[in-house]
Every structure is written in C-alpha cells, then in structure tokens.
C-alpha cells in the first residue's frame, strides 16, 4: 500500500535522513535535533497553509501598486508579514549578532531556511519574495557591514538604527 506524504514530510525526511542535518549540526557544535527540524518545518507548513495559501489568489488579483514613491502590497500581506516577523521566521538562519551588535538571528542552518522558504513559496510565491529579498539584505549586511565606530559621539551602526552621522 502506498503512503502519501506532504511536502513538509518530504522536507523533514530529506533533512533528517538524507542530509543528516542533526548529525552535521551536532558535529559543528550547534546541534539541531530531528524533533526540532520536524517542529520548525511543521510550523512553517501551518503558516503557509493557514495564512498564506487562503489569501494567495486574492492577493495576486489585487497585486502591488507603486504610487507617489510608495509600494502598496495586497491588504492580506500586512497581517501575513506581521505573522512572519512575530514568528521569528526571518531570523531563522541569520546571525545572532553582527560586529558585536545583537540583531536577533537564530543561527540555524541555511538548509532549514531553504526548506521553510520552499513551503512559503508554495503557499504564496509573490509573498515569498519579501522574505527572500530581506534575507539577501541580511546577507549583504553580514558580508559588508562596517564595525561600530569607536569615535566619541558616533552611534553604532545596526540594522535596527541604520547608519548615523557622528556628532
């Protein structure tokens, strides 16, 4: 008898049995268990299925509009993106700190981020571009952000407060 699986089941199987992400992360000193992987992927599937998928078609019909220098996205994206941020999804694979400044990332493996991204893309391709572009910005900052200024009167740079002129 055939056993049907969901994309989430396939992702969990691939990460835990094919790639052996639990073994790789344990060897690297930051273990992520198979149970943790299943929980993260399961929640990402729930978010995609319950939040993104039901609104995807309406959001595609509404589309994004650029007017007066502002991009307005479909109305459902505001709540969905708030859920994305509140759930900590954006910081899944981001560093916890950058140049000594806490930025709130969870430092989980990039492979886990990619699996979550796959589920989000399946839920709503257009919505998935927002987190994807933000992940690219985070990576650019990780690779290129200057160290905090040591001069008196200079506010440290961080993604939260951006660059600031020195007094």
C-alpha atoms as a PDB file:
ATOM      1  CA  UNK A   1       0.000   0.000   0.000  1.00  0.00           C
ATOM      2  CA  UNK A   2       1.258   3.467  -0.881  1.00  0.00           C
ATOM      3  CA  UNK A   3       1.721   6.049   1.829  1.00  0.00           C
ATOM      4  CA  UNK A   4       1.011   9.650   0.856  1.00  0.00           C
ATOM      5  CA  UNK A   5       3.329  12.329   2.172  1.00  0.00           C
ATOM      6  CA  UNK A   6       3.145  16.093   2.283  1.00  0.00           C
ATOM      7  CA  UNK A   7       5.908  18.389   1.082  1.00  0.00           C
ATOM      8  CA  UNK A   8       6.703  19.030   4.754  1.00  0.00           C
ATOM      9  CA  UNK A   9       7.098  15.300   5.399  1.00  0.00           C
ATOM     10  CA  UNK A  10       9.437  15.056   2.421  1.00  0.00           C
ATOM     11  CA  UNK A  11      11.494  18.022   3.621  1.00  0.00           C
ATOM     12  CA  UNK A  12      11.760  16.587   7.132  1.00  0.00           C
ATOM     13  CA  UNK A  13      12.806  13.200   5.741  1.00  0.00           C
ATOM     14  CA  UNK A  14      15.393  14.780   3.450  1.00  0.00           C
ATOM     15  CA  UNK A  15      16.897  16.977   6.166  1.00  0.00           C
ATOM     16  CA  UNK A  16      16.969  14.303   8.862  1.00  0.00           C
ATOM     17  CA  UNK A  17      17.708  11.095   6.905  1.00  0.00           C
ATOM     18  CA  UNK A  18      19.292  12.032   3.585  1.00  0.00           C
ATOM     19  CA  UNK A  19      21.340  15.081   4.599  1.00  0.00           C
ATOM     20  CA  UNK A  20      21.587  14.075   8.294  1.00  0.00           C
ATOM     21  CA  UNK A  21      21.256  17.660   9.446  1.00  0.00           C
ATOM     22  CA  UNK A  22      21.087  16.546  13.109  1.00  0.00           C
ATOM     23  CA  UNK A  23      24.452  14.791  12.730  1.00  0.00           C
ATOM     24  CA  UNK A  24      26.035  17.662  10.819  1.00  0.00           C
ATOM     25  CA  UNK A  25      24.897  20.278  13.330  1.00  0.00           C
ATOM     26  CA  UNK A  26      25.998  18.142  16.268  1.00  0.00           C
ATOM     27  CA  UNK A  27      29.439  17.733  14.691  1.00  0.00           C
ATOM     28  CA  UNK A  28      29.575  21.502  14.224  1.00  0.00           C
ATOM     29  CA  UNK A  29      28.830  22.126  17.897  1.00  0.00           C
ATOM     30  CA  UNK A  30      25.351  23.638  17.466  1.00  0.00           C
ATOM     31  CA  UNK A  31      23.053  20.600  17.435  1.00  0.00           C
ATOM     32  CA  UNK A  32      19.588  20.752  15.912  1.00  0.00           C
ATOM     33  CA  UNK A  33      17.595  17.594  16.640  1.00  0.00           C
ATOM     34  CA  UNK A  34      15.296  15.759  14.262  1.00  0.00           C
ATOM     35  CA  UNK A  35      12.430  16.755  16.567  1.00  0.00           C
ATOM     36  CA  UNK A  36      13.410  20.432  16.278  1.00  0.00           C
ATOM     37  CA  UNK A  37      13.557  20.146  12.496  1.00  0.00           C
ATOM     38  CA  UNK A  38      10.126  18.486  12.392  1.00  0.00           C
ATOM     39  CA  UNK A  39       8.644  21.172  14.658  1.00  0.00           C
ATOM     40  CA  UNK A  40      10.080  24.045  12.600  1.00  0.00           C
ATOM     41  CA  UNK A  41       9.014  22.546   9.278  1.00  0.00           C
ATOM     42  CA  UNK A  42       5.591  21.678  10.696  1.00  0.00           C
ATOM     43  CA  UNK A  43       5.020  25.258  11.834  1.00  0.00           C
ATOM     44  CA  UNK A  44       6.227  26.633   8.508  1.00  0.00           C
ATOM     45  CA  UNK A  45       3.772  24.318   6.759  1.00  0.00           C
ATOM     46  CA  UNK A  46       0.956  25.509   9.047  1.00  0.00           C
ATOM     47  CA  UNK A  47       1.842  29.171   8.390  1.00  0.00           C
ATOM     48  CA  UNK A  48       1.917  28.603   4.635  1.00  0.00           C
ATOM     49  CA  UNK A  49      -1.272  26.537   4.549  1.00  0.00           C
ATOM     50  CA  UNK A  50      -3.361  28.560   7.023  1.00  0.00           C
ATOM     51  CA  UNK A  51      -2.115  32.127   6.499  1.00  0.00           C
ATOM     52  CA  UNK A  52      -0.648  32.419   3.001  1.00  0.00           C
ATOM     53  CA  UNK A  53      -2.486  29.922   0.803  1.00  0.00           C
ATOM     54  CA  UNK A  54      -6.076  31.077   1.528  1.00  0.00           C
ATOM     55  CA  UNK A  55      -5.226  34.665   0.511  1.00  0.00           C
ATOM     56  CA  UNK A  56      -2.831  33.985  -2.365  1.00  0.00           C
ATOM     57  CA  UNK A  57      -5.299  34.161  -5.230  1.00  0.00           C
ATOM     58  CA  UNK A  58      -6.946  37.357  -3.962  1.00  0.00           C
ATOM     59  CA  UNK A  59      -3.516  38.902  -3.369  1.00  0.00           C
ATOM     60  CA  UNK A  60      -2.494  38.048  -6.940  1.00  0.00           C
ATOM     61  CA  UNK A  61      -5.637  39.701  -8.262  1.00  0.00           C
ATOM     62  CA  UNK A  62      -5.097  42.815  -6.122  1.00  0.00           C
ATOM     63  CA  UNK A  63      -1.386  42.997  -6.890  1.00  0.00           C
ATOM     64  CA  UNK A  64       1.152  45.547  -5.718  1.00  0.00           C
ATOM     65  CA  UNK A  65       0.824  49.175  -6.735  1.00  0.00           C
ATOM     66  CA  UNK A  66       3.542  51.822  -6.911  1.00  0.00           C
ATOM     67  CA  UNK A  67       2.215  55.336  -6.348  1.00  0.00           C
ATOM     68  CA  UNK A  68       3.732  58.541  -5.043  1.00  0.00           C
ATOM     69  CA  UNK A  69       7.007  56.792  -4.226  1.00  0.00           C
ATOM     70  CA  UNK A  70       5.336  54.095  -2.123  1.00  0.00           C
ATOM     71  CA  UNK A  71       4.694  50.456  -2.936  1.00  0.00           C
ATOM     72  CA  UNK A  72       1.358  49.232  -1.655  1.00  0.00           C
ATOM     73  CA  UNK A  73       1.088  45.469  -1.338  1.00  0.00           C
ATOM     74  CA  UNK A  74      -2.119  43.435  -1.106  1.00  0.00           C
ATOM     75  CA  UNK A  75      -4.003  44.032   2.127  1.00  0.00           C
ATOM     76  CA  UNK A  76      -3.561  40.448   3.333  1.00  0.00           C
ATOM     77  CA  UNK A  77       0.226  40.819   3.226  1.00  0.00           C
ATOM     78  CA  UNK A  78       0.301  43.212   6.166  1.00  0.00           C
ATOM     79  CA  UNK A  79      -1.099  40.593   8.566  1.00  0.00           C
ATOM     80  CA  UNK A  80       0.851  37.778   6.935  1.00  0.00           C
ATOM     81  CA  UNK A  81       4.134  39.675   7.176  1.00  0.00           C
ATOM     82  CA  UNK A  82       3.425  40.571  10.817  1.00  0.00           C
ATOM     83  CA  UNK A  83       2.923  36.845  11.475  1.00  0.00           C
ATOM     84  CA  UNK A  84       6.161  36.115   9.621  1.00  0.00           C
ATOM     85  CA  UNK A  85       8.127  38.564  11.765  1.00  0.00           C
ATOM     86  CA  UNK A  86       6.395  37.685  15.043  1.00  0.00           C
ATOM     87  CA  UNK A  87       7.085  34.012  14.369  1.00  0.00           C
ATOM     88  CA  UNK A  88      10.815  34.729  14.071  1.00  0.00           C
ATOM     89  CA  UNK A  89      10.931  33.248  10.577  1.00  0.00           C
ATOM     90  CA  UNK A  90      13.049  35.987   9.035  1.00  0.00           C
ATOM     91  CA  UNK A  91      15.889  35.455  11.502  1.00  0.00           C
ATOM     92  CA  UNK A  92      15.941  31.669  11.220  1.00  0.00           C
ATOM     93  CA  UNK A  93      19.390  31.422   9.617  1.00  0.00           C
ATOM     94  CA  UNK A  94      20.590  34.962  10.418  1.00  0.00           C
ATOM     95  CA  UNK A  95      23.404  35.544  12.900  1.00  0.00           C
ATOM     96  CA  UNK A  96      22.551  36.430  16.485  1.00  0.00           C
ATOM     97  CA  UNK A  97      24.936  39.377  16.332  1.00  0.00           C
ATOM     98  CA  UNK A  98      26.838  41.395  13.789  1.00  0.00           C
ATOM     99  CA  UNK A  99      30.094  43.113  14.712  1.00  0.00           C
ATOM    100  CA  UNK A 100      29.214  42.704  18.388  1.00  0.00           C
ATOM    101  CA  UNK A 101      25.728  44.165  17.962  1.00  0.00           C
ATOM    102  CA  UNK A 102      22.801  41.851  18.733  1.00  0.00           C
ATOM    103  CA  UNK A 103      20.495  41.615  15.700  1.00  0.00           C
ATOM    104  CA  UNK A 104      18.245  38.757  16.814  1.00  0.00           C
ATOM    105  CA  UNK A 105      19.026  35.942  14.410  1.00  0.00           C
ATOM    106  CA  UNK A 106      18.622  32.325  15.459  1.00  0.00           C
ATOM    107  CA  UNK A 107      21.757  30.999  13.710  1.00  0.00           C
ATOM    108  CA  UNK A 108      20.002  27.867  12.444  1.00  0.00           C
ATOM    109  CA  UNK A 109      21.324  26.081   9.356  1.00  0.00           C
ATOM    110  CA  UNK A 110      20.786  27.592   5.930  1.00  0.00           C
ATOM    111  CA  UNK A 111      19.324  24.247   4.793  1.00  0.00           C
ATOM    112  CA  UNK A 112      16.494  24.711   7.290  1.00  0.00           C
ATOM    113  CA  UNK A 113      15.882  28.253   5.998  1.00  0.00           C
ATOM    114  CA  UNK A 114      15.692  26.889   2.445  1.00  0.00           C
ATOM    115  CA  UNK A 115      13.135  24.250   3.480  1.00  0.00           C
ATOM    116  CA  UNK A 116      10.983  26.907   5.149  1.00  0.00           C
ATOM    117  CA  UNK A 117      11.348  29.113   2.072  1.00  0.00           C
ATOM    118  CA  UNK A 118      10.147  26.239  -0.112  1.00  0.00           C
ATOM    119  CA  UNK A 119       6.955  25.911   1.936  1.00  0.00           C
ATOM    120  CA  UNK A 120       6.354  29.662   1.945  1.00  0.00           C
ATOM    121  CA  UNK A 121       6.876  29.802  -1.818  1.00  0.00           C
ATOM    122  CA  UNK A 122       4.329  27.009  -2.198  1.00  0.00           C
ATOM    123  CA  UNK A 123       1.860  28.991  -0.081  1.00  0.00           C
ATOM    124  CA  UNK A 124       2.223  32.260  -1.992  1.00  0.00           C
ATOM    125  CA  UNK A 125       5.013  32.831  -4.487  1.00  0.00           C
ATOM    126  CA  UNK A 126       4.571  36.614  -4.548  1.00  0.00           C
ATOM    127  CA  UNK A 127       4.622  36.915  -0.748  1.00  0.00           C
ATOM    128  CA  UNK A 128       7.757  34.759  -0.581  1.00  0.00           C
ATOM    129  CA  UNK A 129       9.708  37.413  -2.461  1.00  0.00           C
ATOM    130  CA  UNK A 130       9.547  39.793   0.534  1.00  0.00           C
ATOM    131  CA  UNK A 131      11.366  37.432   2.932  1.00  0.00           C
ATOM    132  CA  UNK A 132      13.701  36.365   0.138  1.00  0.00           C
ATOM    133  CA  UNK A 133      14.785  39.939  -0.576  1.00  0.00           C
ATOM    134  CA  UNK A 134      15.132  40.623   3.149  1.00  0.00           C
ATOM    135  CA  UNK A 135      17.329  37.532   3.519  1.00  0.00           C
ATOM    136  CA  UNK A 136      19.511  38.920   0.731  1.00  0.00           C
ATOM    137  CA  UNK A 137      19.775  42.245   2.559  1.00  0.00           C
ATOM    138  CA  UNK A 138      20.731  40.447   5.773  1.00  0.00           C
ATOM    139  CA  UNK A 139      23.419  38.506   3.913  1.00  0.00           C
ATOM    140  CA  UNK A 140      24.753  41.721   2.352  1.00  0.00           C
ATOM    141  CA  UNK A 141      24.962  43.296   5.814  1.00  0.00           C
ATOM    142  CA  UNK A 142      26.687  40.235   7.247  1.00  0.00           C
ATOM    143  CA  UNK A 143      29.279  40.363   4.466  1.00  0.00           C
ATOM    144  CA  UNK A 144      29.753  44.143   4.272  1.00  0.00           C
ATOM    145  CA  UNK A 145      28.590  45.972   7.406  1.00  0.00           C
ATOM    146  CA  UNK A 146      31.297  48.160   8.911  1.00  0.00           C
ATOM    147  CA  UNK A 147      32.336  47.597  12.501  1.00  0.00           C
ATOM    148  CA  UNK A 148      30.812  50.020  15.001  1.00  0.00           C
ATOM    149  CA  UNK A 149      32.533  53.360  15.121  1.00  0.00           C
ATOM    150  CA  UNK A 150      34.782  53.937  18.097  1.00  0.00           C
ATOM    151  CA  UNK A 151      34.787  57.737  17.822  1.00  0.00           C
ATOM    152  CA  UNK A 152      33.037  59.650  20.620  1.00  0.00           C
ATOM    153  CA  UNK A 153      29.567  60.859  19.666  1.00  0.00           C
ATOM    154  CA  UNK A 154      29.045  58.195  16.996  1.00  0.00           C
ATOM    155  CA  UNK A 155      26.073  55.920  17.285  1.00  0.00           C
ATOM    156  CA  UNK A 156      26.863  52.322  16.405  1.00  0.00           C
ATOM    157  CA  UNK A 157      25.529  51.021  13.122  1.00  0.00           C
ATOM    158  CA  UNK A 158      22.938  48.224  13.259  1.00  0.00           C
ATOM    159  CA  UNK A 159      20.050  47.025  11.141  1.00  0.00           C
ATOM    160  CA  UNK A 160      17.705  48.459  13.773  1.00  0.00           C
ATOM    161  CA  UNK A 161      19.024  52.024  13.775  1.00  0.00           C
ATOM    162  CA  UNK A 162      20.948  52.208  10.490  1.00  0.00           C
ATOM    163  CA  UNK A 163      23.954  54.441   9.900  1.00  0.00           C
ATOM    164  CA  UNK A 164      24.065  57.695  11.806  1.00  0.00           C
ATOM    165  CA  UNK A 165      26.211  60.739  11.347  1.00  0.00           C
ATOM    166  CA  UNK A 166      28.767  61.418  14.037  1.00  0.00           C
ATOM    167  CA  UNK A 167      28.289  64.425  16.272  1.00  0.00           C
END
